[in-house]
């Protein structure tokens, strides 16, 4: 899986439709553990809520 850029709304739907599952130890998409990275338009140090980004990047965990 290549990295995937999704909107906040698309990410919410992916969790609701169980395309991404929270295993309690990490996020699983398909059969791979993934990382979800918030993409901010401004410097995160100026943000009050770092979880409130407009877009998120999903990548396979540990893949460089």
N, C-alpha and C. Protein backbone atom coordinates (compact mmCIF):
# COMPACT_ATOMS: atom_id res chain seq x y z
N UNK A 1 0.85 -1.19 0.00
CA UNK A 1 0.00 0.00 0.00
C UNK A 1 0.88 1.23 0.00
N UNK A 2 0.61 2.13 -0.91
CA UNK A 2 1.28 3.42 -0.92
C UNK A 2 0.62 4.30 0.13
N UNK A 3 1.25 5.44 0.42
CA UNK A 3 0.60 6.33 1.37
C UNK A 3 -0.68 6.88 0.77
N UNK A 4 -1.62 7.19 1.63
CA UNK A 4 -2.94 7.62 1.22
C UNK A 4 -3.27 8.91 1.95
N UNK A 5 -3.72 9.93 1.23
CA UNK A 5 -4.13 11.20 1.84
C UNK A 5 -5.66 11.24 1.82
N UNK A 6 -6.26 11.43 3.00
CA UNK A 6 -7.72 11.47 3.10
C UNK A 6 -8.14 12.67 3.93
N UNK A 7 -9.37 13.13 3.69
CA UNK A 7 -9.91 14.22 4.49
C UNK A 7 -10.36 13.68 5.85
N UNK A 8 -10.61 14.57 6.76
CA UNK A 8 -11.08 14.17 8.09
C UNK A 8 -12.38 13.37 7.97
N UNK A 9 -13.27 13.82 7.10
CA UNK A 9 -14.56 13.14 6.92
C UNK A 9 -14.36 11.74 6.35
N UNK A 10 -13.45 11.60 5.37
CA UNK A 10 -13.17 10.28 4.80
C UNK A 10 -12.57 9.34 5.85
N UNK A 11 -11.70 9.87 6.70
CA UNK A 11 -11.10 9.06 7.76
C UNK A 11 -12.16 8.55 8.73
N UNK A 12 -13.09 9.40 9.09
CA UNK A 12 -14.18 9.01 9.99
C UNK A 12 -15.00 7.87 9.37
N UNK A 13 -15.32 8.00 8.08
CA UNK A 13 -16.08 6.97 7.38
C UNK A 13 -15.29 5.66 7.32
N UNK A 14 -13.97 5.74 7.14
CA UNK A 14 -13.15 4.52 7.09
C UNK A 14 -13.22 3.77 8.42
N UNK A 15 -13.25 4.50 9.55
CA UNK A 15 -13.39 3.85 10.85
C UNK A 15 -14.81 3.30 11.02
N UNK A 16 -15.83 4.07 10.61
CA UNK A 16 -17.22 3.61 10.73
C UNK A 16 -17.47 2.36 9.90
N UNK A 17 -16.89 2.31 8.70
CA UNK A 17 -17.07 1.16 7.80
C UNK A 17 -16.09 0.02 8.12
N UNK A 18 -15.29 0.22 9.16
CA UNK A 18 -14.29 -0.76 9.62
C UNK A 18 -13.25 -1.09 8.56
N UNK A 19 -12.94 -0.12 7.68
CA UNK A 19 -11.82 -0.28 6.76
C UNK A 19 -10.52 -0.10 7.53
N UNK A 20 -10.59 0.70 8.61
CA UNK A 20 -9.50 0.82 9.56
C UNK A 20 -10.06 0.41 10.91
N UNK A 21 -9.34 -0.46 11.60
CA UNK A 21 -9.79 -0.98 12.89
C UNK A 21 -8.77 -0.60 13.96
N UNK A 22 -9.27 -0.13 15.10
CA UNK A 22 -8.40 0.15 16.25
C UNK A 22 -8.29 -1.14 17.05
N UNK A 23 -7.10 -1.75 17.02
CA UNK A 23 -6.89 -3.03 17.71
C UNK A 23 -6.60 -2.86 19.20
N UNK A 24 -6.46 -1.61 19.63
CA UNK A 24 -6.07 -1.36 21.01
C UNK A 24 -4.56 -1.24 21.14
N UNK A 25 -3.84 -1.80 20.17
CA UNK A 25 -2.38 -1.71 20.14
C UNK A 25 -1.91 -0.93 18.93
N UNK A 26 -2.82 -0.62 18.03
CA UNK A 26 -2.49 0.12 16.81
C UNK A 26 -3.67 0.09 15.85
N UNK A 27 -3.51 0.76 14.72
CA UNK A 27 -4.56 0.79 13.70
C UNK A 27 -4.23 -0.23 12.62
N UNK A 28 -5.24 -1.00 12.22
CA UNK A 28 -5.07 -2.05 11.21
C UNK A 28 -5.94 -1.71 10.00
N UNK A 29 -5.30 -1.72 8.82
CA UNK A 29 -6.02 -1.51 7.56
C UNK A 29 -5.67 -2.68 6.66
N UNK A 30 -6.67 -3.46 6.30
CA UNK A 30 -6.39 -4.72 5.60
C UNK A 30 -5.74 -5.65 6.60
N UNK A 31 -4.55 -6.10 6.30
CA UNK A 31 -3.82 -6.97 7.23
C UNK A 31 -2.55 -6.30 7.72
N UNK A 32 -2.44 -4.96 7.51
CA UNK A 32 -1.21 -4.26 7.87
C UNK A 32 -1.49 -3.20 8.93
N UNK A 33 -0.51 -3.03 9.80
CA UNK A 33 -0.60 -1.97 10.80
C UNK A 33 -0.22 -0.65 10.11
N UNK A 34 -1.02 0.38 10.33
CA UNK A 34 -0.78 1.67 9.68
C UNK A 34 -0.60 2.78 10.71
N UNK A 35 0.02 3.86 10.25
CA UNK A 35 0.14 5.08 11.02
C UNK A 35 -0.78 6.12 10.39
N UNK A 36 -1.39 6.95 11.21
CA UNK A 36 -2.22 8.04 10.72
C UNK A 36 -1.58 9.33 11.18
N UNK A 37 -1.18 10.16 10.22
CA UNK A 37 -0.45 11.39 10.51
C UNK A 37 -1.30 12.58 10.10
N UNK A 38 -1.52 13.51 11.05
CA UNK A 38 -2.29 14.72 10.77
C UNK A 38 -1.46 15.65 9.90
N UNK A 39 -2.07 16.19 8.86
CA UNK A 39 -1.42 17.16 7.98
C UNK A 39 -2.04 18.53 8.25
N UNK A 40 -1.25 19.44 8.79
CA UNK A 40 -1.75 20.76 9.14
C UNK A 40 -1.28 21.80 8.14
N UNK A 41 -2.11 22.79 7.90
CA UNK A 41 -1.76 23.87 7.00
C UNK A 41 -0.91 24.92 7.71
N UNK A 42 -0.93 24.93 9.03
CA UNK A 42 -0.12 25.87 9.80
C UNK A 42 0.78 25.10 10.75
N UNK A 43 1.76 25.78 11.29
CA UNK A 43 2.70 25.16 12.21
C UNK A 43 1.96 24.59 13.42
N UNK A 44 2.11 23.29 13.71
CA UNK A 44 1.38 22.66 14.82
C UNK A 44 1.57 23.33 16.18
N UNK A 45 2.69 24.02 16.39
CA UNK A 45 2.90 24.63 17.70
C UNK A 45 1.89 25.74 17.97
N UNK A 46 1.21 26.22 16.92
CA UNK A 46 0.21 27.26 17.09
C UNK A 46 -1.21 26.71 17.21
N UNK A 47 -1.35 25.41 17.13
CA UNK A 47 -2.67 24.79 17.17
C UNK A 47 -3.10 24.49 18.60
N UNK A 48 -4.37 24.67 18.87
CA UNK A 48 -4.93 24.31 20.16
C UNK A 48 -5.24 22.82 20.21
N UNK A 49 -5.77 22.28 19.12
CA UNK A 49 -6.19 20.88 19.06
C UNK A 49 -5.49 20.22 17.87
N UNK A 50 -4.44 19.45 18.14
CA UNK A 50 -3.66 18.87 17.05
C UNK A 50 -4.40 17.75 16.32
N UNK A 51 -5.50 17.27 16.87
CA UNK A 51 -6.26 16.22 16.19
C UNK A 51 -7.26 16.78 15.19
N UNK A 52 -7.36 18.09 15.11
CA UNK A 52 -8.37 18.71 14.25
C UNK A 52 -7.77 19.20 12.93
N UNK A 53 -7.11 18.31 12.19
CA UNK A 53 -6.55 18.65 10.89
C UNK A 53 -7.61 18.43 9.82
N UNK A 54 -7.42 19.07 8.66
CA UNK A 54 -8.36 18.86 7.55
C UNK A 54 -8.03 17.59 6.78
N UNK A 55 -6.74 17.22 6.74
CA UNK A 55 -6.31 16.04 5.99
C UNK A 55 -5.37 15.19 6.84
N UNK A 56 -5.36 13.88 6.53
CA UNK A 56 -4.52 12.91 7.23
C UNK A 56 -3.82 12.03 6.22
N UNK A 57 -2.58 11.63 6.55
CA UNK A 57 -1.84 10.72 5.71
C UNK A 57 -1.80 9.36 6.39
N UNK A 58 -2.14 8.31 5.64
CA UNK A 58 -2.13 6.94 6.16
C UNK A 58 -0.99 6.21 5.47
N UNK A 59 -0.06 5.65 6.27
CA UNK A 59 1.07 4.90 5.71
C UNK A 59 1.21 3.58 6.48
N UNK A 60 1.85 2.61 5.84
CA UNK A 60 2.13 1.34 6.51
C UNK A 60 3.18 1.61 7.58
N UNK A 61 2.92 1.15 8.77
CA UNK A 61 3.83 1.40 9.89
C UNK A 61 5.18 0.71 9.66
N UNK A 62 6.24 1.47 9.88
CA UNK A 62 7.59 0.94 9.73
C UNK A 62 8.13 1.00 8.32
N UNK A 63 7.32 1.36 7.34
CA UNK A 63 7.77 1.46 5.95
C UNK A 63 8.44 2.80 5.73
N UNK A 64 9.59 2.79 5.08
CA UNK A 64 10.31 4.05 4.82
C UNK A 64 10.36 4.34 3.36
